[in-house]
Amino acid sequence: MSDIAVKDTLDVRGMACPMPVVKTKLAIGKLETGDVLRVLATDRGALKDIPAWAEATGNTVVSTDQREGEIEFLVEKG
């Protein structure tokens, strides 16, 4: 992850579906193409929802990391 420049971080920990995807959509809309958004979530549904949303919208999940009940996504704006 150290070689990926993160433009912004979105904290959606404690939020349940569909809010992690809704908030991610809003946050990535403010970025430029190629920028990377770090998303911190606790909703296990986000493991499927955020990658599915990214694929459907032309964005890319460049990494997913799980640790101690927290999920970190790095999403590149397409």
C-alpha atoms as a PDB file:
ATOM      1  CA  MET A   1       0.000   0.000   0.000  1.00  0.00           C
ATOM      2  CA  SER A   2       2.912   2.378   0.581  1.00  0.00           C
ATOM      3  CA  ASP A   3       3.306   2.932  -3.167  1.00  0.00           C
ATOM      4  CA  ILE A   4      -0.329   4.018  -3.638  1.00  0.00           C
ATOM      5  CA  ALA A   5      -0.974   7.719  -3.089  1.00  0.00           C
ATOM      6  CA  VAL A   6      -4.288   8.179  -1.279  1.00  0.00           C
ATOM      7  CA  LYS A   7      -6.079  11.427  -2.116  1.00  0.00           C
ATOM      8  CA  ASP A   8      -8.788  11.240   0.585  1.00  0.00           C
ATOM      9  CA  THR A   9     -10.142   8.963   3.335  1.00  0.00           C
ATOM     10  CA  LEU A  10     -13.802   8.134   3.937  1.00  0.00           C
ATOM     11  CA  ASP A  11     -14.794   6.698   7.310  1.00  0.00           C
ATOM     12  CA  VAL A  12     -18.029   4.703   7.103  1.00  0.00           C
ATOM     13  CA  ARG A  13     -17.299   2.492  10.108  1.00  0.00           C
ATOM     14  CA  GLY A  14     -20.478   1.673  12.006  1.00  0.00           C
ATOM     15  CA  MET A  15     -22.716   2.332   8.999  1.00  0.00           C
ATOM     16  CA  ALA A  16     -24.848  -0.454   7.535  1.00  0.00           C
ATOM     17  CA  CYS A  17     -25.863  -1.174   3.956  1.00  0.00           C
ATOM     18  CA  PRO A  18     -26.453   0.791   1.791  1.00  0.00           C
ATOM     19  CA  MET A  19     -24.657   3.730   3.413  1.00  0.00           C
ATOM     20  CA  PRO A  20     -21.042   2.636   2.769  1.00  0.00           C
ATOM     21  CA  VAL A  21     -21.738   2.509  -0.983  1.00  0.00           C
ATOM     22  CA  VAL A  22     -23.805   5.710  -0.967  1.00  0.00           C
ATOM     23  CA  LYS A  23     -21.093   7.632   0.902  1.00  0.00           C
ATOM     24  CA  THR A  24     -18.348   6.139  -1.301  1.00  0.00           C
ATOM     25  CA  LYS A  25     -20.214   7.245  -4.428  1.00  0.00           C
ATOM     26  CA  LEU A  26     -20.522  10.799  -3.096  1.00  0.00           C
ATOM     27  CA  ALA A  27     -16.881  10.982  -1.986  1.00  0.00           C
ATOM     28  CA  ILE A  28     -15.425   9.590  -5.212  1.00  0.00           C
ATOM     29  CA  GLY A  29     -17.534  12.048  -7.199  1.00  0.00           C
ATOM     30  CA  LYS A  30     -15.434  14.867  -5.743  1.00  0.00           C
ATOM     31  CA  LEU A  31     -12.138  13.340  -6.919  1.00  0.00           C
ATOM     32  CA  GLU A  32     -10.317  13.486 -10.241  1.00  0.00           C
ATOM     33  CA  THR A  33      -9.850  10.469 -12.522  1.00  0.00           C
ATOM     34  CA  GLY A  34      -6.966   8.367 -11.190  1.00  0.00           C
ATOM     35  CA  ASP A  35      -7.278   9.630  -7.613  1.00  0.00           C
ATOM     36  CA  VAL A  36      -7.476   6.974  -4.885  1.00  0.00           C
ATOM     37  CA  LEU A  37     -10.027   7.035  -2.065  1.00  0.00           C
ATOM     38  CA  ARG A  38      -9.405   5.053   1.143  1.00  0.00           C
ATOM     39  CA  VAL A  39     -12.679   3.702   2.546  1.00  0.00           C
ATOM     40  CA  LEU A  40     -12.804   2.375   6.120  1.00  0.00           C
ATOM     41  CA  ALA A  41     -15.814   0.165   6.820  1.00  0.00           C
ATOM     42  CA  THR A  42     -17.083  -2.340   9.387  1.00  0.00           C
ATOM     43  CA  ASP A  43     -20.150  -3.633   7.507  1.00  0.00           C
ATOM     44  CA  ARG A  44     -19.192  -7.068   6.158  1.00  0.00           C
ATOM     45  CA  GLY A  45     -21.647  -6.558   3.307  1.00  0.00           C
ATOM     46  CA  ALA A  46     -19.280  -3.918   1.971  1.00  0.00           C
ATOM     47  CA  LEU A  47     -16.893  -6.739   0.996  1.00  0.00           C
ATOM     48  CA  LYS A  48     -19.241  -7.536  -1.887  1.00  0.00           C
ATOM     49  CA  ASP A  49     -21.084  -4.239  -2.274  1.00  0.00           C
ATOM     50  CA  ILE A  50     -18.163  -1.851  -2.812  1.00  0.00           C
ATOM     51  CA  PRO A  51     -16.357  -4.007  -5.415  1.00  0.00           C
ATOM     52  CA  ALA A  52     -19.676  -4.612  -7.239  1.00  0.00           C
ATOM     53  CA  TRP A  53     -20.443  -0.880  -7.224  1.00  0.00           C
ATOM     54  CA  ALA A  54     -16.920  -0.048  -8.419  1.00  0.00           C
ATOM     55  CA  GLU A  55     -17.128  -2.495 -11.317  1.00  0.00           C
ATOM     56  CA  ALA A  56     -20.567  -1.227 -12.340  1.00  0.00           C
ATOM     57  CA  THR A  57     -19.431   2.408 -12.316  1.00  0.00           C
ATOM     58  CA  GLY A  58     -16.018   2.164 -13.991  1.00  0.00           C
ATOM     59  CA  ASN A  59     -13.995   2.547 -10.805  1.00  0.00           C
ATOM     60  CA  THR A  60     -11.416   0.055  -9.512  1.00  0.00           C
ATOM     61  CA  VAL A  61     -10.849  -1.448  -6.073  1.00  0.00           C
ATOM     62  CA  VAL A  62      -7.044  -1.596  -6.076  1.00  0.00           C
ATOM     63  CA  SER A  63      -6.809  -3.282  -2.670  1.00  0.00           C
ATOM     64  CA  THR A  64      -8.917  -4.694   0.131  1.00  0.00           C
ATOM     65  CA  ASP A  65      -7.490  -5.316   3.584  1.00  0.00           C
ATOM     66  CA  GLN A  66      -9.317  -6.835   6.564  1.00  0.00           C
ATOM     67  CA  ARG A  67      -8.099  -6.622  10.136  1.00  0.00           C
ATOM     68  CA  GLU A  68      -9.779  -6.779  13.528  1.00  0.00           C
ATOM     69  CA  GLY A  69     -13.312  -6.248  12.256  1.00  0.00           C
ATOM     70  CA  GLU A  70     -12.357  -3.367   9.988  1.00  0.00           C
ATOM     71  CA  ILE A  71     -12.162  -3.377   6.203  1.00  0.00           C
ATOM     72  CA  GLU A  72     -10.038  -0.964   4.218  1.00  0.00           C
ATOM     73  CA  PHE A  73     -10.660  -0.451   0.520  1.00  0.00           C
ATOM     74  CA  LEU A  74      -8.518   1.600  -1.819  1.00  0.00           C
ATOM     75  CA  VAL A  75     -10.723   2.694  -4.716  1.00  0.00           C
ATOM     76  CA  GLU A  76      -9.308   4.381  -7.804  1.00  0.00           C
ATOM     77  CA  LYS A  77     -11.645   6.704  -9.663  1.00  0.00           C
ATOM     78  CA  GLY A  78     -12.107   5.589 -13.259  1.00  0.00           C
END
